[in-house]
């Protein structure tokens, strides 16, 4: 697994009501697919190798401890206000 892992909002119509976990490789922009990122995780080697070497699982495990959930909620609410629930 390489690239960016994103939790995104998406919707088939104008309502952004669905959450998805999506793996974006090669700097693919989720906005091109009408997906709004809510939370992202960089799993390219440059993100973890200096501290974790080849222990990507340990990097992901520790990543959960540094998420600012207040900011995630703020971004989610902003996304709903600007892209969904029309």
C-alpha atoms as a PDB file:
ATOM      1  CA  UNK A   1       0.000   0.000   0.000  1.00  0.00           C
ATOM      2  CA  UNK A   2       1.488   3.291  -1.128  1.00  0.00           C
ATOM      3  CA  UNK A   3       0.034   6.714  -1.725  1.00  0.00           C
ATOM      4  CA  UNK A   4      -2.521   8.602   0.292  1.00  0.00           C
ATOM      5  CA  UNK A   5      -5.341   7.008   2.222  1.00  0.00           C
ATOM      6  CA  UNK A   6      -8.292   9.365   2.505  1.00  0.00           C
ATOM      7  CA  UNK A   7     -11.621   9.305   4.227  1.00  0.00           C
ATOM      8  CA  UNK A   8     -13.762  11.227   1.799  1.00  0.00           C
ATOM      9  CA  UNK A   9     -17.274  12.539   1.436  1.00  0.00           C
ATOM     10  CA  UNK A  10     -18.953  11.799  -1.832  1.00  0.00           C
ATOM     11  CA  UNK A  11     -22.407  11.629  -3.269  1.00  0.00           C
ATOM     12  CA  UNK A  12     -24.025  10.559  -6.481  1.00  0.00           C
ATOM     13  CA  UNK A  13     -26.182  13.650  -6.495  1.00  0.00           C
ATOM     14  CA  UNK A  14     -25.628  17.071  -4.960  1.00  0.00           C
ATOM     15  CA  UNK A  15     -25.733  15.729  -1.394  1.00  0.00           C
ATOM     16  CA  UNK A  16     -22.373  14.706   0.033  1.00  0.00           C
ATOM     17  CA  UNK A  17     -23.729  12.051   2.351  1.00  0.00           C
ATOM     18  CA  UNK A  18     -21.451   9.049   1.829  1.00  0.00           C
ATOM     19  CA  UNK A  19     -18.136   8.289   3.526  1.00  0.00           C
ATOM     20  CA  UNK A  20     -15.555   6.214   1.689  1.00  0.00           C
ATOM     21  CA  UNK A  21     -12.005   5.115   2.377  1.00  0.00           C
ATOM     22  CA  UNK A  22     -10.008   5.632  -0.786  1.00  0.00           C
ATOM     23  CA  UNK A  23      -6.391   4.975  -1.739  1.00  0.00           C
ATOM     24  CA  UNK A  24      -5.009   7.685  -4.029  1.00  0.00           C
ATOM     25  CA  UNK A  25      -1.721   6.944  -5.747  1.00  0.00           C
ATOM     26  CA  UNK A  26       0.559   9.255  -7.709  1.00  0.00           C
ATOM     27  CA  UNK A  27      -0.722  12.491  -6.161  1.00  0.00           C
ATOM     28  CA  UNK A  28      -4.181  11.956  -7.641  1.00  0.00           C
ATOM     29  CA  UNK A  29      -6.495  14.761  -6.547  1.00  0.00           C
ATOM     30  CA  UNK A  30      -9.768  13.515  -5.005  1.00  0.00           C
ATOM     31  CA  UNK A  31     -11.503  16.763  -5.964  1.00  0.00           C
ATOM     32  CA  UNK A  32     -11.243  15.743  -9.625  1.00  0.00           C
ATOM     33  CA  UNK A  33     -13.666  12.927  -8.778  1.00  0.00           C
ATOM     34  CA  UNK A  34     -15.986  15.191  -6.775  1.00  0.00           C
ATOM     35  CA  UNK A  35     -14.712  13.686  -3.515  1.00  0.00           C
ATOM     36  CA  UNK A  36     -14.043  15.960  -0.542  1.00  0.00           C
ATOM     37  CA  UNK A  37     -11.255  14.747   1.785  1.00  0.00           C
ATOM     38  CA  UNK A  38     -12.084  14.777   5.485  1.00  0.00           C
ATOM     39  CA  UNK A  39      -9.036  12.943   6.877  1.00  0.00           C
ATOM     40  CA  UNK A  40      -5.859  11.813   5.166  1.00  0.00           C
ATOM     41  CA  UNK A  41      -2.885   9.565   5.836  1.00  0.00           C
ATOM     42  CA  UNK A  42       0.319   9.699   3.788  1.00  0.00           C
ATOM     43  CA  UNK A  43       1.730   6.180   3.423  1.00  0.00           C
ATOM     44  CA  UNK A  44       4.543   6.910   0.986  1.00  0.00           C
ATOM     45  CA  UNK A  45       7.929   5.921   2.427  1.00  0.00           C
ATOM     46  CA  UNK A  46       9.070   9.542   2.848  1.00  0.00           C
ATOM     47  CA  UNK A  47       6.361   9.992   5.497  1.00  0.00           C
ATOM     48  CA  UNK A  48       7.555   7.298   7.889  1.00  0.00           C
ATOM     49  CA  UNK A  49      10.923   5.792   6.947  1.00  0.00           C
ATOM     50  CA  UNK A  50      13.251   8.023   8.989  1.00  0.00           C
ATOM     51  CA  UNK A  51      11.472   7.223  12.255  1.00  0.00           C
ATOM     52  CA  UNK A  52       9.931   3.825  11.551  1.00  0.00           C
ATOM     53  CA  UNK A  53      12.203   2.259   8.903  1.00  0.00           C
ATOM     54  CA  UNK A  54      10.166  -0.565   7.342  1.00  0.00           C
ATOM     55  CA  UNK A  55       7.554  -0.691  10.133  1.00  0.00           C
ATOM     56  CA  UNK A  56       4.687   0.962   8.271  1.00  0.00           C
ATOM     57  CA  UNK A  57       2.159  -0.711  10.574  1.00  0.00           C
ATOM     58  CA  UNK A  58       3.718   0.953  13.624  1.00  0.00           C
ATOM     59  CA  UNK A  59       3.598   4.319  11.821  1.00  0.00           C
ATOM     60  CA  UNK A  60      -0.126   3.888  11.063  1.00  0.00           C
ATOM     61  CA  UNK A  61      -0.805   2.730  14.622  1.00  0.00           C
ATOM     62  CA  UNK A  62       0.888   5.818  16.072  1.00  0.00           C
ATOM     63  CA  UNK A  63      -0.779   8.097  13.524  1.00  0.00           C
ATOM     64  CA  UNK A  64      -4.112   7.536  15.295  1.00  0.00           C
ATOM     65  CA  UNK A  65      -2.606   9.141  18.423  1.00  0.00           C
ATOM     66  CA  UNK A  66      -1.844  12.472  16.759  1.00  0.00           C
ATOM     67  CA  UNK A  67      -5.100  13.174  14.932  1.00  0.00           C
ATOM     68  CA  UNK A  68      -6.704  16.436  15.994  1.00  0.00           C
ATOM     69  CA  UNK A  69     -10.320  15.307  16.003  1.00  0.00           C
ATOM     70  CA  UNK A  70     -11.594  18.836  16.594  1.00  0.00           C
ATOM     71  CA  UNK A  71      -9.986  19.902  13.286  1.00  0.00           C
ATOM     72  CA  UNK A  72     -11.377  16.834  11.513  1.00  0.00           C
ATOM     73  CA  UNK A  73     -14.859  17.726  12.758  1.00  0.00           C
ATOM     74  CA  UNK A  74     -14.353  21.347  11.709  1.00  0.00           C
ATOM     75  CA  UNK A  75     -13.346  20.240   8.208  1.00  0.00           C
ATOM     76  CA  UNK A  76     -16.255  17.829   8.006  1.00  0.00           C
ATOM     77  CA  UNK A  77     -18.744  20.536   8.984  1.00  0.00           C
ATOM     78  CA  UNK A  78     -17.164  22.959   6.513  1.00  0.00           C
ATOM     79  CA  UNK A  79     -17.438  20.356   3.755  1.00  0.00           C
ATOM     80  CA  UNK A  80     -21.092  19.734   4.494  1.00  0.00           C
ATOM     81  CA  UNK A  81     -21.850  23.453   4.564  1.00  0.00           C
ATOM     82  CA  UNK A  82     -20.064  24.116   1.273  1.00  0.00           C
ATOM     83  CA  UNK A  83     -20.449  20.924  -0.757  1.00  0.00           C
ATOM     84  CA  UNK A  84     -23.373  18.962   0.604  1.00  0.00           C
ATOM     85  CA  UNK A  85     -26.873  19.031   1.934  1.00  0.00           C
ATOM     86  CA  UNK A  86     -28.151  21.482  -0.722  1.00  0.00           C
END
